[in-house]
PDB file of all heavy atoms in Angstrom:
ATOM      1  N   GLU A   1     -16.109  -8.289  10.307  1.00  0.00           N
ATOM      2  CA  GLU A   1     -15.346  -9.473   9.915  1.00  0.00           C
ATOM      3  C   GLU A   1     -15.600  -9.858   8.455  1.00  0.00           C
ATOM      4  O   GLU A   1     -14.742 -10.440   7.795  1.00  0.00           O
ATOM      5  CB  GLU A   1     -15.684 -10.656  10.823  1.00  0.00           C
ATOM      6  CG  GLU A   1     -15.369 -10.430  12.296  1.00  0.00           C
ATOM      7  CD  GLU A   1     -13.885 -10.408  12.611  1.00  0.00           C
ATOM      8  OE1 GLU A   1     -13.073 -10.573  11.671  1.00  0.00           O
ATOM      9  OE2 GLU A   1     -13.526 -10.204  13.787  1.00  0.00           O
ATOM     10  N   SER A   2     -16.775  -9.529   7.947  1.00  0.00           N
ATOM     11  CA  SER A   2     -17.121  -9.942   6.576  1.00  0.00           C
ATOM     12  C   SER A   2     -17.461  -8.777   5.666  1.00  0.00           C
ATOM     13  O   SER A   2     -18.116  -8.956   4.647  1.00  0.00           O
ATOM     14  CB  SER A   2     -18.306 -10.923   6.606  1.00  0.00           C
ATOM     15  OG  SER A   2     -18.007 -12.059   7.386  1.00  0.00           O
ATOM     16  N   GLY A   3     -17.059  -7.563   6.037  1.00  0.00           N
ATOM     17  CA  GLY A   3     -17.376  -6.435   5.186  1.00  0.00           C
ATOM     18  C   GLY A   3     -17.122  -5.106   5.859  1.00  0.00           C
ATOM     19  O   GLY A   3     -16.502  -5.032   6.924  1.00  0.00           O
ATOM     20  N   ALA A   4     -17.603  -4.048   5.223  1.00  0.00           N
ATOM     21  CA  ALA A   4     -17.466  -2.698   5.756  1.00  0.00           C
ATOM     22  C   ALA A   4     -18.696  -1.896   5.370  1.00  0.00           C
ATOM     23  O   ALA A   4     -19.351  -2.169   4.360  1.00  0.00           O
ATOM     24  CB  ALA A   4     -16.208  -2.030   5.218  1.00  0.00           C
ATOM     25  N   ILE A   5     -19.016  -0.913   6.199  1.00  0.00           N
ATOM     26  CA  ILE A   5     -20.094   0.029   5.892  1.00  0.00           C
ATOM     27  C   ILE A   5     -19.501   1.426   5.969  1.00  0.00           C
ATOM     28  O   ILE A   5     -18.887   1.799   6.976  1.00  0.00           O
ATOM     29  CB  ILE A   5     -21.289  -0.114   6.861  1.00  0.00           C
ATOM     30  CG1 ILE A   5     -21.831  -1.544   6.827  1.00  0.00           C
ATOM     31  CG2 ILE A   5     -22.388   0.882   6.494  1.00  0.00           C
ATOM     32  CD1 ILE A   5     -22.973  -1.790   7.805  1.00  0.00           C
ATOM     33  N   THR A   6     -19.660   2.196   4.904  1.00  0.00           N
ATOM     34  CA  THR A   6     -19.051   3.518   4.827  1.00  0.00           C
ATOM     35  C   THR A   6     -20.108   4.614   4.786  1.00  0.00           C
ATOM     36  O   THR A   6     -21.239   4.392   4.361  1.00  0.00           O
ATOM     37  CB  THR A   6     -18.170   3.630   3.572  1.00  0.00           C
ATOM     38  OG1 THR A   6     -19.008   3.604   2.392  1.00  0.00           O
ATOM     39  CG2 THR A   6     -17.165   2.492   3.496  1.00  0.00           C
ATOM     40  N   TRP A   7     -19.682   5.800   5.209  1.00  0.00           N
ATOM     41  CA  TRP A   7     -20.539   6.992   5.121  1.00  0.00           C
ATOM     42  C   TRP A   7     -19.735   8.105   4.465  1.00  0.00           C
ATOM     43  O   TRP A   7     -18.640   8.447   4.886  1.00  0.00           O
ATOM     44  CB  TRP A   7     -20.995   7.435   6.495  1.00  0.00           C
ATOM     45  CG  TRP A   7     -21.723   8.760   6.463  1.00  0.00           C
ATOM     46  CD1 TRP A   7     -22.891   9.036   5.824  1.00  0.00           C
ATOM     47  CD2 TRP A   7     -21.298   9.991   7.061  1.00  0.00           C
ATOM     48  NE1 TRP A   7     -23.235  10.363   6.003  1.00  0.00           N
ATOM     49  CE2 TRP A   7     -22.269  10.984   6.756  1.00  0.00           C
ATOM     50  CE3 TRP A   7     -20.199  10.358   7.830  1.00  0.00           C
ATOM     51  CZ2 TRP A   7     -22.170  12.297   7.194  1.00  0.00           C
ATOM     52  CZ3 TRP A   7     -20.090  11.680   8.275  1.00  0.00           C
ATOM     53  CH2 TRP A   7     -21.076  12.636   7.946  1.00  0.00           C
ATOM     54  N   GLY A   8     -20.256   8.627   3.395  1.00  0.00           N
ATOM     55  CA  GLY A   8     -19.624   9.726   2.668  1.00  0.00           C
ATOM     56  C   GLY A   8     -20.600  10.183   1.617  1.00  0.00           C
ATOM     57  O   GLY A   8     -21.430  11.056   1.849  1.00  0.00           O
ATOM     58  N   SER A   9     -20.536   9.551   0.438  1.00  0.00           N
ATOM     59  CA  SER A   9     -21.548   9.811  -0.593  1.00  0.00           C
ATOM     60  C   SER A   9     -22.720   8.863  -0.320  1.00  0.00           C
ATOM     61  O   SER A   9     -22.982   7.930  -1.070  1.00  0.00           O
ATOM     62  CB  SER A   9     -20.960   9.557  -1.977  1.00  0.00           C
ATOM     63  OG  SER A   9     -20.431   8.244  -2.067  1.00  0.00           O
ATOM     64  N   GLY A  10     -23.371   9.068   0.784  1.00  0.00           N
ATOM     65  CA  GLY A  10     -24.412   8.161   1.239  1.00  0.00           C
ATOM     66  C   GLY A  10     -23.798   7.081   2.126  1.00  0.00           C
ATOM     67  O   GLY A  10     -22.594   7.062   2.376  1.00  0.00           O
ATOM     68  N   ILE A  11     -24.644   6.178   2.600  1.00  0.00           N
ATOM     69  CA  ILE A  11     -24.194   5.062   3.419  1.00  0.00           C
ATOM     70  C   ILE A  11     -24.259   3.807   2.572  1.00  0.00           C
ATOM     71  O   ILE A  11     -25.321   3.466   2.037  1.00  0.00           O
ATOM     72  CB  ILE A  11     -25.053   4.912   4.684  1.00  0.00           C
ATOM     73  CG1 ILE A  11     -24.876   6.153   5.567  1.00  0.00           C
ATOM     74  CG2 ILE A  11     -24.684   3.645   5.458  1.00  0.00           C
ATOM     75  CD1 ILE A  11     -25.749   6.190   6.793  1.00  0.00           C
ATOM     76  N   HIS A  12     -23.125   3.108   2.416  1.00  0.00           N
ATOM     77  CA  HIS A  12     -23.041   1.977   1.512  1.00  0.00           C
ATOM     78  C   HIS A  12     -22.320   0.803   2.164  1.00  0.00           C
ATOM     79  O   HIS A  12     -21.419   0.997   2.988  1.00  0.00           O
ATOM     80  CB  HIS A  12     -22.344   2.375   0.215  1.00  0.00           C
ATOM     81  CG  HIS A  12     -23.036   3.478  -0.516  1.00  0.00           C
ATOM     82  ND1 HIS A  12     -24.306   3.349  -1.042  1.00  0.00           N
ATOM     83  CD2 HIS A  12     -22.645   4.762  -0.775  1.00  0.00           C
ATOM     84  CE1 HIS A  12     -24.667   4.484  -1.621  1.00  0.00           C
ATOM     85  NE2 HIS A  12     -23.684   5.359  -1.466  1.00  0.00           N
ATOM     86  N   VAL A  13     -22.709  -0.394   1.750  1.00  0.00           N
ATOM     87  CA  VAL A  13     -22.174  -1.636   2.294  1.00  0.00           C
ATOM     88  C   VAL A  13     -21.301  -2.315   1.254  1.00  0.00           C
ATOM     89  O   VAL A  13     -21.683  -2.439   0.086  1.00  0.00           O
ATOM     90  CB  VAL A  13     -23.332  -2.586   2.692  1.00  0.00           C
ATOM     91  CG1 VAL A  13     -22.783  -3.902   3.226  1.00  0.00           C
ATOM     92  CG2 VAL A  13     -24.244  -1.919   3.718  1.00  0.00           C
ATOM     93  N   VAL A  14     -20.112  -2.754   1.673  1.00  0.00           N
ATOM     94  CA  VAL A  14     -19.241  -3.565   0.824  1.00  0.00           C
ATOM     95  C   VAL A  14     -19.110  -4.926   1.500  1.00  0.00           C
ATOM     96  O   VAL A  14     -18.666  -5.001   2.647  1.00  0.00           O
ATOM     97  CB  VAL A  14     -17.844  -2.938   0.651  1.00  0.00           C
ATOM     98  CG1 VAL A  14     -17.046  -3.730  -0.391  1.00  0.00           C
ATOM     99  CG2 VAL A  14     -17.950  -1.478   0.247  1.00  0.00           C
ATOM    100  N   ARG A  15     -19.471  -5.987   0.806  1.00  0.00           N
ATOM    101  CA  ARG A  15     -19.374  -7.322   1.376  1.00  0.00           C
ATOM    102  C   ARG A  15     -19.370  -8.359   0.258  1.00  0.00           C
ATOM    103  O   ARG A  15     -19.352  -8.024  -0.923  1.00  0.00           O
ATOM    104  CB  ARG A  15     -20.531  -7.597   2.346  1.00  0.00           C
ATOM    105  CG  ARG A  15     -21.918  -7.473   1.726  1.00  0.00           C
ATOM    106  CD  ARG A  15     -22.990  -7.772   2.775  1.00  0.00           C
ATOM    107  NE  ARG A  15     -24.330  -7.578   2.269  1.00  0.00           N
ATOM    108  CZ  ARG A  15     -25.339  -8.397   2.532  1.00  0.00           C
ATOM    109  NH1 ARG A  15     -25.141  -9.473   3.269  1.00  0.00           N
ATOM    110  NH2 ARG A  15     -26.543  -8.149   2.068  1.00  0.00           N
ATOM    111  N   GLY A  16     -19.404  -9.624   0.641  1.00  0.00           N
ATOM    112  CA  GLY A  16     -19.421 -10.691  -0.335  1.00  0.00           C
ATOM    113  C   GLY A  16     -18.110 -10.771  -1.097  1.00  0.00           C
ATOM    114  O   GLY A  16     -17.041 -10.379  -0.621  1.00  0.00           O
ATOM    115  N   ALA A  17     -18.140 -11.292  -2.322  1.00  0.00           N
ATOM    116  CA  ALA A  17     -16.939 -11.517  -3.126  1.00  0.00           C
ATOM    117  C   ALA A  17     -16.239 -10.214  -3.501  1.00  0.00           C
ATOM    118  O   ALA A  17     -15.026 -10.199  -3.756  1.00  0.00           O
ATOM    119  CB  ALA A  17     -17.309 -12.302  -4.385  1.00  0.00           C
ATOM    120  N   ILE A  18     -16.978  -9.113  -3.567  1.00  0.00           N
ATOM    121  CA  ILE A  18     -16.367  -7.826  -3.918  1.00  0.00           C
ATOM    122  C   ILE A  18     -15.503  -7.289  -2.777  1.00  0.00           C
ATOM    123  O   ILE A  18     -14.503  -6.612  -3.012  1.00  0.00           O
ATOM    124  CB  ILE A  18     -17.466  -6.817  -4.321  1.00  0.00           C
ATOM    125  CG1 ILE A  18     -18.051  -7.220  -5.684  1.00  0.00           C
ATOM    126  CG2 ILE A  18     -16.955  -5.391  -4.348  1.00  0.00           C
ATOM    127  CD1 ILE A  18     -19.209  -6.359  -6.143  1.00  0.00           C
ATOM    128  N   TYR A  19     -15.851  -7.621  -1.544  1.00  0.00           N
ATOM    129  CA  TYR A  19     -15.151  -7.065  -0.377  1.00  0.00           C
ATOM    130  C   TYR A  19     -13.654  -7.371  -0.362  1.00  0.00           C
ATOM    131  O   TYR A  19     -12.832  -6.454  -0.200  1.00  0.00           O
ATOM    132  CB  TYR A  19     -15.831  -7.558   0.896  1.00  0.00           C
ATOM    133  CG  TYR A  19     -15.138  -7.171   2.178  1.00  0.00           C
ATOM    134  CD1 TYR A  19     -14.992  -5.828   2.531  1.00  0.00           C
ATOM    135  CD2 TYR A  19     -14.629  -8.145   3.042  1.00  0.00           C
ATOM    136  CE1 TYR A  19     -14.352  -5.464   3.704  1.00  0.00           C
ATOM    137  CE2 TYR A  19     -13.993  -7.789   4.215  1.00  0.00           C
ATOM    138  CZ  TYR A  19     -13.858  -6.450   4.548  1.00  0.00           C
ATOM    139  OH  TYR A  19     -13.229  -6.096   5.719  1.00  0.00           O
ATOM    140  N   PRO A  20     -13.187  -8.638  -0.535  1.00  0.00           N
ATOM    141  CA  PRO A  20     -11.740  -8.882  -0.493  1.00  0.00           C
ATOM    142  C   PRO A  20     -10.984  -8.207  -1.635  1.00  0.00           C
ATOM    143  O   PRO A  20      -9.824  -7.808  -1.471  1.00  0.00           O
ATOM    144  CB  PRO A  20     -11.627 -10.406  -0.561  1.00  0.00           C
ATOM    145  CG  PRO A  20     -12.923 -10.887  -1.110  1.00  0.00           C
ATOM    146  CD  PRO A  20     -13.940  -9.902  -0.635  1.00  0.00           C
ATOM    147  N   VAL A  21     -11.615  -8.061  -2.808  1.00  0.00           N
ATOM    148  CA  VAL A  21     -10.965  -7.348  -3.915  1.00  0.00           C
ATOM    149  C   VAL A  21     -10.741  -5.896  -3.524  1.00  0.00           C
ATOM    150  O   VAL A  21      -9.659  -5.324  -3.749  1.00  0.00           O
ATOM    151  CB  VAL A  21     -11.828  -7.441  -5.187  1.00  0.00           C
ATOM    152  CG1 VAL A  21     -11.211  -6.627  -6.311  1.00  0.00           C
ATOM    153  CG2 VAL A  21     -12.015  -8.887  -5.594  1.00  0.00           C
ATOM    154  N   TRP A  22     -11.735  -5.313  -2.939  1.00  0.00           N
ATOM    155  CA  TRP A  22     -11.661  -3.911  -2.511  1.00  0.00           C
ATOM    156  C   TRP A  22     -10.591  -3.717  -1.444  1.00  0.00           C
ATOM    157  O   TRP A  22      -9.791  -2.777  -1.501  1.00  0.00           O
ATOM    158  CB  TRP A  22     -13.042  -3.483  -2.010  1.00  0.00           C
ATOM    159  CG  TRP A  22     -13.157  -2.064  -1.576  1.00  0.00           C
ATOM    160  CD1 TRP A  22     -13.017  -0.949  -2.349  1.00  0.00           C
ATOM    161  CD2 TRP A  22     -13.463  -1.601  -0.252  1.00  0.00           C
ATOM    162  NE1 TRP A  22     -13.228   0.188  -1.600  1.00  0.00           N
ATOM    163  CE2 TRP A  22     -13.504  -0.194  -0.303  1.00  0.00           C
ATOM    164  CE3 TRP A  22     -13.717  -2.237   0.959  1.00  0.00           C
ATOM    165  CZ2 TRP A  22     -13.778   0.587   0.816  1.00  0.00           C
ATOM    166  CZ3 TRP A  22     -13.997  -1.470   2.085  1.00  0.00           C
ATOM    167  CH2 TRP A  22     -14.026  -0.075   2.006  1.00  0.00           C
ATOM    168  N   THR A  23     -10.557  -4.622  -0.446  1.00  0.00           N
ATOM    169  CA  THR A  23      -9.589  -4.455   0.638  1.00  0.00           C
ATOM    170  C   THR A  23      -8.157  -4.665   0.147  1.00  0.00           C
ATOM    171  O   THR A  23      -7.226  -3.978   0.585  1.00  0.00           O
ATOM    172  CB  THR A  23      -9.880  -5.425   1.796  1.00  0.00           C
ATOM    173  OG1 THR A  23      -9.844  -6.776   1.317  1.00  0.00           O
ATOM    174  CG2 THR A  23     -11.230  -5.149   2.412  1.00  0.00           C
ATOM    175  N   ARG A  24      -7.946  -5.599  -0.778  1.00  0.00           N
ATOM    176  CA  ARG A  24      -6.595  -5.833  -1.292  1.00  0.00           C
ATOM    177  C   ARG A  24      -6.087  -4.642  -2.100  1.00  0.00           C
ATOM    178  O   ARG A  24      -4.874  -4.449  -2.255  1.00  0.00           O
ATOM    179  CB  ARG A  24      -6.581  -7.102  -2.143  1.00  0.00           C
ATOM    180  CG  ARG A  24      -6.780  -8.361  -1.320  1.00  0.00           C
ATOM    181  CD  ARG A  24      -6.823  -9.603  -2.167  1.00  0.00           C
ATOM    182  NE  ARG A  24      -5.507  -9.950  -2.710  1.00  0.00           N
ATOM    183  CZ  ARG A  24      -5.260 -11.082  -3.367  1.00  0.00           C
ATOM    184  NH1 ARG A  24      -6.249 -11.947  -3.583  1.00  0.00           N
ATOM    185  NH2 ARG A  24      -4.052 -11.332  -3.819  1.00  0.00           N
ATOM    186  N   SER A  25      -7.022  -3.844  -2.604  1.00  0.00           N
ATOM    187  CA  SER A  25      -6.609  -2.651  -3.357  1.00  0.00           C
ATOM    188  C   SER A  25      -6.278  -1.482  -2.438  1.00  0.00           C
ATOM    189  O   SER A  25      -5.813  -0.442  -2.908  1.00  0.00           O
ATOM    190  CB  SER A  25      -7.730  -2.229  -4.306  1.00  0.00           C
ATOM    191  OG  SER A  25      -8.781  -1.599  -3.580  1.00  0.00           O
ATOM    192  N   GLY A  26      -6.516  -1.639  -1.143  1.00  0.00           N
ATOM    193  CA  GLY A  26      -6.296  -0.535  -0.212  1.00  0.00           C
ATOM    194  C   GLY A  26      -7.579   0.049   0.335  1.00  0.00           C
ATOM    195  O   GLY A  26      -7.573   1.110   0.959  1.00  0.00           O
ATOM    196  N   SER A  27      -8.705  -0.605   0.064  1.00  0.00           N
ATOM    197  CA  SER A  27     -10.043  -0.161   0.493  1.00  0.00           C
ATOM    198  C   SER A  27     -10.285   1.294   0.102  1.00  0.00           C
ATOM    199  O   SER A  27      -9.944   1.694  -1.022  1.00  0.00           O
ATOM    200  CB  SER A  27     -10.265  -0.427   1.990  1.00  0.00           C
ATOM    201  OG  SER A  27      -9.316   0.249   2.777  1.00  0.00           O
ATOM    202  N   GLU A  28     -10.817   2.117   1.000  1.00  0.00           N
ATOM    203  CA  GLU A  28     -11.210   3.472   0.599  1.00  0.00           C
ATOM    204  C   GLU A  28     -10.008   4.346   0.253  1.00  0.00           C
ATOM    205  O   GLU A  28     -10.136   5.350  -0.455  1.00  0.00           O
ATOM    206  CB  GLU A  28     -12.077   4.124   1.692  1.00  0.00           C
ATOM    207  CG  GLU A  28     -11.332   4.792   2.828  1.00  0.00           C
ATOM    208  CD  GLU A  28     -10.784   3.840   3.870  1.00  0.00           C
ATOM    209  OE1 GLU A  28     -10.727   2.620   3.631  1.00  0.00           O
ATOM    210  OE2 GLU A  28     -10.398   4.319   4.948  1.00  0.00           O
ATOM    211  N   ALA A  29      -8.818   3.980   0.751  1.00  0.00           N
ATOM    212  CA  ALA A  29      -7.607   4.758   0.472  1.00  0.00           C
ATOM    213  C   ALA A  29      -6.893   4.270  -0.788  1.00  0.00           C
ATOM    214  O   ALA A  29      -5.867   4.830  -1.177  1.00  0.00           O
ATOM    215  CB  ALA A  29      -6.649   4.671   1.661  1.00  0.00           C
ATOM    216  N   GLY A  30      -7.433   3.236  -1.434  1.00  0.00           N
ATOM    217  CA  GLY A  30      -6.776   2.641  -2.576  1.00  0.00           C
ATOM    218  C   GLY A  30      -7.251   3.171  -3.919  1.00  0.00           C
ATOM    219  O   GLY A  30      -7.903   4.223  -4.006  1.00  0.00           O
ATOM    220  N   VAL A  31      -6.976   2.393  -4.952  1.00  0.00           N
ATOM    221  CA  VAL A  31      -7.227   2.825  -6.315  1.00  0.00           C
ATOM    222  C   VAL A  31      -8.710   3.039  -6.600  1.00  0.00           C
ATOM    223  O   VAL A  31      -9.081   3.915  -7.389  1.00  0.00           O
ATOM    224  CB  VAL A  31      -6.622   1.817  -7.324  1.00  0.00           C
ATOM    225  CG1 VAL A  31      -7.287   0.457  -7.198  1.00  0.00           C
ATOM    226  CG2 VAL A  31      -6.723   2.340  -8.752  1.00  0.00           C
ATOM    227  N   TYR A  32      -9.570   2.250  -5.961  1.00  0.00           N
ATOM    228  CA  TYR A  32     -10.997   2.363  -6.256  1.00  0.00           C
ATOM    229  C   TYR A  32     -11.686   3.460  -5.455  1.00  0.00           C
ATOM    230  O   TYR A  32     -12.673   4.044  -5.898  1.00  0.00           O
ATOM    231  CB  TYR A  32     -11.704   1.032  -5.972  1.00  0.00           C
ATOM    232  CG  TYR A  32     -11.114  -0.144  -6.704  1.00  0.00           C
ATOM    233  CD1 TYR A  32     -10.827  -1.332  -6.034  1.00  0.00           C
ATOM    234  CD2 TYR A  32     -10.825  -0.070  -8.064  1.00  0.00           C
ATOM    235  CE1 TYR A  32     -10.272  -2.417  -6.700  1.00  0.00           C
ATOM    236  CE2 TYR A  32     -10.267  -1.142  -8.742  1.00  0.00           C
ATOM    237  CZ  TYR A  32      -9.991  -2.317  -8.043  1.00  0.00           C
ATOM    238  OH  TYR A  32      -9.440  -3.378  -8.709  1.00  0.00           O
ATOM    239  N   GLY A  33     -11.192   3.745  -4.250  1.00  0.00           N
ATOM    240  CA  GLY A  33     -11.870   4.682  -3.367  1.00  0.00           C
ATOM    241  C   GLY A  33     -13.035   4.012  -2.664  1.00  0.00           C
ATOM    242  O   GLY A  33     -13.204   2.794  -2.694  1.00  0.00           O
ATOM    243  N   GLY A  34     -13.857   4.811  -2.019  1.00  0.00           N
ATOM    244  CA  GLY A  34     -15.000   4.270  -1.298  1.00  0.00           C
ATOM    245  C   GLY A  34     -16.169   3.986  -2.213  1.00  0.00           C
ATOM    246  O   GLY A  34     -16.237   4.498  -3.338  1.00  0.00           O
ATOM    247  N   PRO A  35     -17.128   3.168  -1.757  1.00  0.00           N
ATOM    248  CA  PRO A  35     -18.291   2.858  -2.592  1.00  0.00           C
ATOM    249  C   PRO A  35     -19.208   4.060  -2.749  1.00  0.00           C
ATOM    250  O   PRO A  35     -19.353   4.873  -1.836  1.00  0.00           O
ATOM    251  CB  PRO A  35     -18.987   1.739  -1.806  1.00  0.00           C
ATOM    252  CG  PRO A  35     -18.606   1.996  -0.383  1.00  0.00           C
ATOM    253  CD  PRO A  35     -17.201   2.510  -0.435  1.00  0.00           C
ATOM    254  N   THR A  36     -19.823   4.165  -3.915  1.00  0.00           N
ATOM    255  CA  THR A  36     -20.824   5.206  -4.153  1.00  0.00           C
ATOM    256  C   THR A  36     -22.208   4.610  -4.369  1.00  0.00           C
ATOM    257  O   THR A  36     -23.178   5.336  -4.540  1.00  0.00           O
ATOM    258  CB  THR A  36     -20.443   6.059  -5.374  1.00  0.00           C
ATOM    259  OG1 THR A  36     -20.282   5.207  -6.517  1.00  0.00           O
ATOM    260  CG2 THR A  36     -19.158   6.815  -5.115  1.00  0.00           C
ATOM    261  N   THR A  37     -22.278   3.277  -4.397  1.00  0.00           N
ATOM    262  CA  THR A  37     -23.560   2.566  -4.460  1.00  0.00           C
ATOM    263  C   THR A  37     -23.439   1.333  -3.592  1.00  0.00           C
ATOM    264  O   THR A  37     -22.337   0.930  -3.200  1.00  0.00           O
ATOM    265  CB  THR A  37     -23.914   2.094  -5.894  1.00  0.00           C
ATOM    266  OG1 THR A  37     -22.992   1.050  -6.274  1.00  0.00           O
ATOM    267  CG2 THR A  37     -23.875   3.218  -6.890  1.00  0.00           C
ATOM    268  N   ASP A  38     -24.571   0.717  -3.277  1.00  0.00           N
ATOM    269  CA  ASP A  38     -24.554  -0.622  -2.726  1.00  0.00           C
ATOM    270  C   ASP A  38     -24.373  -1.595  -3.884  1.00  0.00           C
ATOM    271  O   ASP A  38     -24.380  -1.206  -5.064  1.00  0.00           O
ATOM    272  CB  ASP A  38     -25.863  -0.920  -1.990  1.00  0.00           C
ATOM    273  CG  ASP A  38     -25.950  -0.180  -0.661  1.00  0.00           C
ATOM    274  OD1 ASP A  38     -24.894   0.080  -0.048  1.00  0.00           O
ATOM    275  OD2 ASP A  38     -27.080   0.143  -0.241  1.00  0.00           O
ATOM    276  N   ILE A  39     -24.232  -2.875  -3.593  1.00  0.00           N
ATOM    277  CA  ILE A  39     -24.167  -3.892  -4.633  1.00  0.00           C
ATOM    278  C   ILE A  39     -25.522  -3.958  -5.339  1.00  0.00           C
ATOM    279  O   ILE A  39     -26.567  -3.929  -4.691  1.00  0.00           O
ATOM    280  CB  ILE A  39     -23.794  -5.254  -4.022  1.00  0.00           C
ATOM    281  CG1 ILE A  39     -22.398  -5.185  -3.399  1.00  0.00           C
ATOM    282  CG2 ILE A  39     -23.845  -6.359  -5.069  1.00  0.00           C
ATOM    283  CD1 ILE A  39     -22.029  -6.393  -2.573  1.00  0.00           C
ATOM    284  N   TYR A  40     -25.507  -4.032  -6.663  1.00  0.00           N
ATOM    285  CA  TYR A  40     -26.753  -4.084  -7.411  1.00  0.00           C
ATOM    286  C   TYR A  40     -26.632  -5.127  -8.515  1.00  0.00           C
ATOM    287  O   TYR A  40     -25.525  -5.502  -8.945  1.00  0.00           O
ATOM    288  CB  TYR A  40     -27.110  -2.715  -7.990  1.00  0.00           C
ATOM    289  CG  TYR A  40     -26.082  -2.138  -8.949  1.00  0.00           C
ATOM    290  CD1 TYR A  40     -26.169  -2.351 -10.333  1.00  0.00           C
ATOM    291  CD2 TYR A  40     -25.024  -1.361  -8.458  1.00  0.00           C
ATOM    292  CE1 TYR A  40     -25.229  -1.817 -11.202  1.00  0.00           C
ATOM    293  CE2 TYR A  40     -24.079  -0.827  -9.322  1.00  0.00           C
ATOM    294  CZ  TYR A  40     -24.182  -1.054 -10.705  1.00  0.00           C
ATOM    295  OH  TYR A  40     -23.246  -0.531 -11.563  1.00  0.00           O
ATOM    296  N   ARG A  41     -27.777  -5.601  -8.980  1.00  0.00           N
ATOM    297  CA  ARG A  41     -27.791  -6.624 -10.020  1.00  0.00           C
ATOM    298  C   ARG A  41     -27.845  -5.968 -11.401  1.00  0.00           C
ATOM    299  O   ARG A  41     -28.573  -5.005 -11.625  1.00  0.00           O
ATOM    300  CB  ARG A  41     -28.994  -7.554  -9.841  1.00  0.00           C
ATOM    301  CG  ARG A  41     -29.050  -8.681 -10.879  1.00  0.00           C
ATOM    302  CD  ARG A  41     -30.222  -9.617 -10.604  1.00  0.00           C
ATOM    303  NE  ARG A  41     -30.048 -10.325  -9.354  1.00  0.00           N
ATOM    304  CZ  ARG A  41     -29.283 -11.412  -9.202  1.00  0.00           C
ATOM    305  NH1 ARG A  41     -28.580 -11.882 -10.236  1.00  0.00           N
ATOM    306  NH2 ARG A  41     -29.203 -12.012  -8.045  1.00  0.00           N
ATOM    307  N   SER A  42     -27.067  -6.523 -12.326  1.00  0.00           N
ATOM    308  CA  SER A  42     -27.088  -6.098 -13.724  1.00  0.00           C
ATOM    309  C   SER A  42     -27.082  -7.359 -14.571  1.00  0.00           C
ATOM    310  O   SER A  42     -26.041  -7.985 -14.769  1.00  0.00           O
ATOM    311  CB  SER A  42     -25.869  -5.221 -14.052  1.00  0.00           C
ATOM    312  OG  SER A  42     -25.871  -4.857 -15.424  1.00  0.00           O
ATOM    313  N   GLY A  43     -28.252  -7.766 -15.040  1.00  0.00           N
ATOM    314  CA  GLY A  43     -28.377  -9.043 -15.725  1.00  0.00           C
ATOM    315  C   GLY A  43     -28.094 -10.171 -14.752  1.00  0.00           C
ATOM    316  O   GLY A  43     -28.679 -10.240 -13.679  1.00  0.00           O
ATOM    317  N   SER A  44     -27.144 -11.037 -15.091  1.00  0.00           N
ATOM    318  CA  SER A  44     -26.792 -12.130 -14.192  1.00  0.00           C
ATOM    319  C   SER A  44     -25.615 -11.771 -13.291  1.00  0.00           C
ATOM    320  O   SER A  44     -25.190 -12.580 -12.468  1.00  0.00           O
ATOM    321  CB  SER A  44     -26.431 -13.383 -15.008  1.00  0.00           C
ATOM    322  OG  SER A  44     -25.313 -13.107 -15.865  1.00  0.00           O
ATOM    323  N   ALA A  45     -25.080 -10.573 -13.447  1.00  0.00           N
ATOM    324  CA  ALA A  45     -23.906 -10.148 -12.674  1.00  0.00           C
ATOM    325  C   ALA A  45     -24.323  -9.272 -11.495  1.00  0.00           C
ATOM    326  O   ALA A  45     -25.407  -8.703 -11.470  1.00  0.00           O
ATOM    327  CB  ALA A  45     -22.946  -9.384 -13.580  1.00  0.00           C
TER     328      ALA A  45
END
């Protein structure tokens, strides 16, 4: 209900604010494809 977990290039979780952006793009079949990392911090982002 609040995300997805994929298996391909490893097992990765998509959730939080990034999840609806990903799903609106078509999720794994869309422009971005499936995740290749989990969510990670980069500075304050």
